[in-house]
N, C-alpha and C. Protein backbone atom coordinates (compact mmCIF):
# COMPACT_ATOMS: atom_id res chain seq x y z
N UNK A 1 1.13 18.20 13.61
CA UNK A 1 0.67 17.42 12.46
C UNK A 1 0.95 15.84 12.79
N UNK A 2 0.06 15.23 12.37
CA UNK A 2 0.08 13.68 12.61
C UNK A 2 1.08 13.09 11.82
N UNK A 3 1.81 12.13 12.30
CA UNK A 3 2.78 11.44 11.55
C UNK A 3 2.10 10.30 10.69
N UNK A 4 2.52 10.24 9.34
CA UNK A 4 1.90 9.28 8.42
C UNK A 4 2.97 8.69 7.65
N UNK A 5 2.62 7.42 7.19
CA UNK A 5 3.62 6.68 6.24
C UNK A 5 3.01 6.38 4.92
N UNK A 6 3.80 6.04 3.94
CA UNK A 6 3.23 5.73 2.64
C UNK A 6 4.06 4.35 2.05
N UNK A 7 3.04 3.68 1.50
CA UNK A 7 3.65 2.42 0.72
C UNK A 7 3.27 2.73 -0.53
N UNK A 8 4.28 2.45 -1.45
CA UNK A 8 3.84 2.89 -2.87
C UNK A 8 4.08 1.65 -3.57
N UNK A 9 3.26 0.89 -4.31
CA UNK A 9 3.24 -0.53 -4.76
C UNK A 9 3.05 -0.39 -6.22
N UNK A 10 3.90 -0.95 -7.06
CA UNK A 10 3.64 -1.14 -8.39
C UNK A 10 2.82 -2.32 -8.79
N UNK A 11 1.87 -2.15 -9.69
CA UNK A 11 0.83 -3.01 -10.34
C UNK A 11 1.19 -3.04 -11.66
N UNK A 12 1.47 -4.16 -12.25
CA UNK A 12 1.85 -4.33 -13.78
C UNK A 12 1.05 -5.68 -14.11
N UNK A 13 0.16 -5.36 -15.16
CA UNK A 13 -0.76 -6.57 -15.52
C UNK A 13 -1.47 -7.21 -14.49
N UNK A 14 -2.02 -6.43 -13.79
CA UNK A 14 -2.98 -6.96 -12.59
C UNK A 14 -2.32 -7.52 -11.43
N UNK A 15 -0.91 -7.70 -11.51
CA UNK A 15 -0.03 -8.22 -10.49
C UNK A 15 0.57 -7.28 -9.49
N UNK A 16 0.69 -7.30 -8.34
CA UNK A 16 1.27 -6.49 -7.38
C UNK A 16 2.74 -6.92 -7.27
N UNK A 17 3.67 -6.04 -7.19
CA UNK A 17 5.10 -6.21 -7.08
C UNK A 17 5.50 -6.10 -5.55
N UNK A 18 6.14 -7.25 -5.09
CA UNK A 18 6.67 -7.26 -3.94
C UNK A 18 5.70 -7.15 -2.51
N UNK A 19 4.57 -7.55 -2.99
CA UNK A 19 3.45 -7.32 -1.78
C UNK A 19 3.95 -7.84 -0.45
N UNK A 20 4.46 -9.08 -0.18
CA UNK A 20 4.79 -9.37 1.03
C UNK A 20 5.79 -8.64 1.71
N UNK A 21 6.77 -7.96 0.92
CA UNK A 21 7.78 -6.86 1.47
C UNK A 21 7.10 -5.81 1.95
N UNK A 22 6.25 -5.39 1.09
CA UNK A 22 5.47 -4.15 1.52
C UNK A 22 4.52 -4.27 2.76
N UNK A 23 3.99 -5.33 2.83
CA UNK A 23 3.04 -5.77 3.96
C UNK A 23 4.03 -5.86 5.25
N UNK A 24 5.05 -6.43 5.20
CA UNK A 24 5.95 -6.58 6.26
C UNK A 24 6.59 -5.33 6.86
N UNK A 25 6.96 -4.51 5.95
CA UNK A 25 7.40 -3.14 6.23
C UNK A 25 6.34 -2.38 7.03
N UNK A 26 5.27 -2.32 6.50
CA UNK A 26 4.03 -1.50 6.96
C UNK A 26 3.77 -2.15 8.36
N UNK A 27 3.74 -3.37 8.62
CA UNK A 27 3.54 -4.00 9.89
C UNK A 27 4.59 -3.59 11.11
N UNK A 28 5.88 -3.59 10.37
CA UNK A 28 7.09 -3.28 11.41
C UNK A 28 6.57 -1.80 11.74
N UNK A 29 6.45 -0.90 10.84
CA UNK A 29 6.31 0.57 10.95
C UNK A 29 5.16 0.75 11.96
N UNK A 30 3.99 0.17 11.83
CA UNK A 30 2.99 0.17 12.77
C UNK A 30 3.23 -0.30 14.24
N UNK A 31 3.89 -1.33 14.10
CA UNK A 31 4.14 -1.83 15.48
C UNK A 31 5.10 -0.85 16.22
N UNK A 32 6.06 -0.29 15.57
CA UNK A 32 7.04 0.58 16.03
C UNK A 32 6.38 1.95 16.55
N UNK A 33 5.74 2.50 15.53
CA UNK A 33 5.18 3.96 15.71
C UNK A 33 3.79 3.92 16.49
N UNK A 34 3.23 3.04 16.22
CA UNK A 34 1.49 3.07 16.66
C UNK A 34 1.34 1.70 17.28
N UNK A 35 2.00 1.34 18.29
CA UNK A 35 1.67 0.07 18.90
C UNK A 35 0.27 -0.28 19.42
N UNK A 36 -0.44 0.72 19.86
CA UNK A 36 -1.84 0.54 20.15
C UNK A 36 -2.63 0.04 18.97
N UNK A 37 -2.42 0.51 17.71
CA UNK A 37 -3.12 0.17 16.38
C UNK A 37 -2.63 -1.16 16.11
N UNK A 38 -1.49 -1.54 16.25
CA UNK A 38 -1.03 -3.19 16.06
C UNK A 38 -1.84 -4.07 16.69
N UNK A 39 -2.16 -3.75 18.06
CA UNK A 39 -3.24 -4.43 18.93
C UNK A 39 -4.62 -4.89 18.37
N UNK A 40 -4.85 -3.76 17.82
CA UNK A 40 -6.42 -3.65 17.34
C UNK A 40 -6.52 -4.40 16.00
N UNK A 41 -5.93 -3.98 14.98
CA UNK A 41 -6.17 -4.41 13.48
C UNK A 41 -4.99 -4.13 12.58
N UNK A 42 -4.44 -5.11 12.09
CA UNK A 42 -3.31 -4.74 11.26
C UNK A 42 -3.98 -4.70 9.67
N UNK A 43 -3.85 -3.65 8.92
CA UNK A 43 -4.47 -3.55 7.49
C UNK A 43 -3.79 -4.64 6.64
N UNK A 44 -4.42 -5.20 5.77
CA UNK A 44 -4.02 -6.17 4.69
C UNK A 44 -3.95 -5.50 3.46
N UNK A 45 -2.60 -5.21 2.95
CA UNK A 45 -2.38 -4.46 1.58
C UNK A 45 -3.33 -5.20 0.63
N UNK A 46 -3.29 -6.43 0.41
CA UNK A 46 -3.87 -7.25 -0.72
C UNK A 46 -5.34 -6.89 -0.72
N UNK A 47 -5.91 -6.68 0.26
CA UNK A 47 -7.51 -6.37 0.37
C UNK A 47 -7.65 -4.86 0.01
N UNK A 48 -6.80 -4.01 0.62
CA UNK A 48 -6.85 -2.68 0.17
C UNK A 48 -6.57 -2.38 -1.26
N UNK A 49 -5.60 -2.96 -1.84
CA UNK A 49 -5.34 -2.76 -3.35
C UNK A 49 -6.41 -3.28 -4.35
N UNK A 50 -6.68 -4.57 -4.11
CA UNK A 50 -7.40 -5.22 -5.02
C UNK A 50 -7.22 -5.21 -6.31
N UNK A 51 -6.03 -5.63 -6.84
CA UNK A 51 -5.48 -5.46 -8.23
C UNK A 51 -6.43 -6.18 -9.23
N UNK A 52 -6.55 -5.67 -10.32
CA UNK A 52 -7.38 -6.45 -11.38
C UNK A 52 -6.61 -6.36 -12.78
N UNK A 53 -7.00 -7.42 -13.52
CA UNK A 53 -6.18 -7.59 -14.79
C UNK A 53 -6.26 -6.55 -15.67
N UNK A 54 -7.20 -5.36 -15.49
CA UNK A 54 -7.23 -4.29 -16.59
C UNK A 54 -6.04 -3.08 -15.97
N UNK A 55 -5.45 -3.42 -14.92
CA UNK A 55 -4.46 -2.56 -14.38
C UNK A 55 -3.08 -2.92 -15.27
N UNK A 56 -2.73 -2.26 -16.32
CA UNK A 56 -1.64 -2.51 -17.24
C UNK A 56 -0.50 -2.13 -16.34
N UNK A 57 -0.24 -0.93 -16.15
CA UNK A 57 0.93 -0.33 -15.26
C UNK A 57 0.34 0.84 -14.51
N UNK A 58 0.23 0.72 -13.12
CA UNK A 58 -0.25 1.63 -12.28
C UNK A 58 0.61 1.62 -11.12
N UNK A 59 0.45 2.77 -10.22
CA UNK A 59 0.98 2.85 -9.00
C UNK A 59 0.04 2.89 -7.84
N UNK A 60 0.04 2.22 -6.80
CA UNK A 60 -0.69 2.25 -5.77
C UNK A 60 -0.21 2.85 -4.51
N UNK A 61 -0.84 3.75 -3.83
CA UNK A 61 -0.32 4.47 -2.69
C UNK A 61 -1.35 4.23 -1.49
N UNK A 62 -0.68 3.64 -0.48
CA UNK A 62 -1.49 3.34 0.64
C UNK A 62 -0.87 4.21 1.80
N UNK A 63 -1.71 5.20 2.30
CA UNK A 63 -1.28 6.21 3.41
C UNK A 63 -1.71 5.54 4.60
N UNK A 64 -0.93 5.45 5.75
CA UNK A 64 -1.32 4.98 6.93
C UNK A 64 -0.70 5.84 8.03
N UNK A 65 -1.39 5.74 9.26
CA UNK A 65 -0.90 6.69 10.38
C UNK A 65 -1.60 6.08 11.50
N UNK A 66 -1.72 6.98 12.78
CA UNK A 66 -2.36 6.59 14.04
C UNK A 66 -3.82 6.45 13.86
N UNK A 67 -4.35 6.99 12.64
CA UNK A 67 -5.96 6.66 12.54
C UNK A 67 -6.15 5.55 11.59
N UNK A 68 -5.10 4.77 11.31
CA UNK A 68 -5.24 3.64 10.54
C UNK A 68 -4.78 3.85 9.18
N UNK A 69 -5.23 2.88 8.23
CA UNK A 69 -4.94 3.09 6.77
C UNK A 69 -6.03 3.88 6.13
N UNK A 70 -5.42 4.69 5.05
CA UNK A 70 -6.55 5.34 4.29
C UNK A 70 -6.66 4.67 2.98
N UNK A 71 -7.72 5.26 2.49
CA UNK A 71 -8.10 4.52 1.04
C UNK A 71 -6.84 4.92 0.06
N UNK A 72 -6.63 3.83 -0.58
CA UNK A 72 -5.37 4.07 -1.62
C UNK A 72 -5.83 4.92 -2.86
N UNK A 73 -4.93 5.49 -3.35
CA UNK A 73 -5.38 6.06 -4.63
C UNK A 73 -4.52 5.33 -5.95
N UNK A 74 -5.22 5.14 -7.08
CA UNK A 74 -4.65 4.47 -8.30
C UNK A 74 -4.74 5.41 -9.34
N UNK A 75 -3.60 6.00 -9.79
CA UNK A 75 -3.62 6.74 -11.03
C UNK A 75 -4.26 5.90 -12.19
N UNK A 76 -4.96 6.33 -13.02
CA UNK A 76 -5.70 5.62 -14.08
C UNK A 76 -4.78 5.75 -15.37
N UNK A 77 -3.93 6.64 -15.28
CA UNK A 77 -2.88 6.72 -16.47
C UNK A 77 -1.73 5.98 -16.21
N UNK A 78 -0.98 5.18 -17.33
CA UNK A 78 0.00 4.34 -17.03
C UNK A 78 1.31 5.38 -16.81
N UNK A 79 2.14 4.86 -15.85
CA UNK A 79 3.28 5.44 -15.49
C UNK A 79 4.32 5.32 -16.65
N UNK A 80 4.91 6.21 -16.87
CA UNK A 80 6.15 6.29 -17.68
C UNK A 80 7.45 6.03 -17.19
N UNK A 81 8.43 5.47 -17.86
CA UNK A 81 9.76 5.18 -17.40
C UNK A 81 9.82 3.90 -16.47
N UNK A 82 8.79 3.16 -16.37
CA UNK A 82 8.97 2.07 -15.51
C UNK A 82 8.85 0.88 -16.43
N UNK A 83 9.65 -0.12 -16.20
CA UNK A 83 9.51 -1.42 -17.04
C UNK A 83 8.71 -2.47 -16.38
N UNK A 84 7.73 -3.00 -17.03
CA UNK A 84 6.80 -3.93 -16.46
C UNK A 84 7.44 -5.29 -16.17
């Protein structure tokens, strides 16, 4: 089975939370586990997520591995138990 990693990012009122932190962690992980991928193209979370104002409270998941980053999934129902 191929090794994969996930970044889970909170989006509240169209704003991503801690995006620079998530981007840096993803880049460190890619450089460590997939050095050949790091030489070709480093995914940009901001472009993958494309948060919009109609996203009140959602969770974005970005799955990445040796084959690059995968399309993220955005649950359309608000998450319960999280403070915006």
